[in-house]
Amino acid sequence: MPLSHNAVLVYVLQNGVGGRLATGRIECKHTSLAVYTGPGMRLNEYISGPQIRSWCVVGPAGQPLEGWCHMLPEDHHILSPAT
């Protein structure tokens, strides 16, 4: 899935750091995610695979896109839409 202002990846890493990404692309592999960014769309190992704890792709209004979310209960507040 390509990321854009219509499909933003919101994530929480294993260390608890959260972030948002609106450029690049992602591939979902069960509950794991491969994130490709930068020149040549290289795998971003820092926020892919076992590094990512919770994630959700949200639309422009902040609503989760169906089938593109794996969120742990303790991370729900971090993954809520931005204000």
Protein backbone atom coordinates (compact mmCIF):
# COMPACT_ATOMS: atom_id res chain seq x y z
CA MET A 1 0.00 0.00 0.00
CA PRO A 2 1.42 3.41 -0.90
CA LEU A 3 1.42 6.00 1.88
CA SER A 4 0.12 9.52 1.32
CA HIS A 5 -2.04 12.17 3.01
CA ASN A 6 -4.94 9.74 2.35
CA ALA A 7 -3.18 6.78 3.98
CA VAL A 8 -0.88 7.63 6.90
CA LEU A 9 0.95 4.96 8.88
CA VAL A 10 0.73 5.59 12.63
CA TYR A 11 3.02 3.31 14.63
CA VAL A 12 4.53 2.50 18.01
CA LEU A 13 7.94 0.85 18.23
CA GLN A 14 8.91 -1.77 20.81
CA ASN A 15 10.69 0.95 22.82
CA GLY A 16 7.43 2.94 23.07
CA VAL A 17 8.37 5.65 20.57
CA GLY A 18 5.47 6.56 18.30
CA GLY A 19 5.43 8.19 14.91
CA ARG A 20 3.56 8.91 11.69
CA LEU A 21 4.67 8.33 8.13
CA ALA A 22 2.92 9.63 4.99
CA THR A 23 5.53 8.76 2.36
CA GLY A 24 6.80 5.42 1.12
CA ARG A 25 4.91 2.16 1.04
CA ILE A 26 4.09 -0.73 3.35
CA GLU A 27 3.48 -4.45 3.05
CA CYS A 28 1.46 -6.30 5.68
CA LYS A 29 2.59 -9.79 6.63
CA HIS A 30 0.02 -11.02 9.19
CA THR A 31 0.54 -8.72 12.18
CA SER A 32 4.02 -7.66 11.04
CA LEU A 33 4.78 -4.79 8.70
CA ALA A 34 7.51 -4.08 6.15
CA VAL A 35 8.02 -0.33 5.69
CA TYR A 36 9.79 0.97 2.57
CA THR A 37 11.02 4.58 2.48
CA GLY A 38 13.64 6.85 0.97
CA PRO A 39 15.39 6.75 -2.37
CA GLY A 40 14.63 3.50 -4.18
CA MET A 41 12.02 2.56 -1.56
CA ARG A 42 14.45 0.58 0.56
CA LEU A 43 13.30 -1.44 3.56
CA ASN A 44 13.37 0.75 6.66
CA GLU A 45 14.53 -1.83 9.22
CA TYR A 46 14.17 0.68 12.08
CA ILE A 47 10.37 0.61 11.84
CA SER A 48 9.74 -2.80 10.22
CA GLY A 49 9.18 -6.36 11.39
CA PRO A 50 9.88 -7.03 15.08
CA GLN A 51 10.75 -3.37 15.72
CA ILE A 52 7.12 -2.28 15.36
CA ARG A 53 4.75 -3.08 18.23
CA SER A 54 1.49 -1.51 17.06
CA TRP A 55 0.46 0.12 13.83
CA CYS A 56 -2.54 1.43 11.94
CA VAL A 57 -3.07 3.07 8.56
CA VAL A 58 -5.50 5.97 8.89
CA GLY A 59 -7.34 7.99 6.28
CA PRO A 60 -7.49 11.79 5.99
CA ALA A 61 -10.11 12.09 8.75
CA GLY A 62 -8.06 9.85 11.06
CA GLN A 63 -10.26 6.79 10.66
CA PRO A 64 -8.48 3.40 10.48
CA LEU A 65 -8.52 1.78 7.05
CA GLU A 66 -10.19 -1.61 7.20
CA GLY A 67 -7.73 -4.48 7.32
CA TRP A 68 -4.72 -2.21 7.93
CA CYS A 69 -4.43 -2.15 11.69
CA HIS A 70 -2.72 -4.16 14.43
CA MET A 71 -3.06 -2.23 17.66
CA LEU A 72 -2.33 -3.41 21.19
CA PRO A 73 -4.74 -2.07 23.83
CA GLU A 74 -1.98 -0.19 25.66
CA ASP A 75 -1.13 1.74 22.49
CA HIS A 76 -4.64 2.82 21.53
CA HIS A 77 -4.16 6.36 22.89
CA ILE A 78 -0.97 6.82 20.85
CA LEU A 79 -2.60 5.65 17.65
CA SER A 80 -5.63 7.91 17.98
CA PRO A 81 -6.05 10.49 15.21
CA ALA A 82 -3.91 13.61 15.46
CA THR A 83 -5.56 16.82 16.54
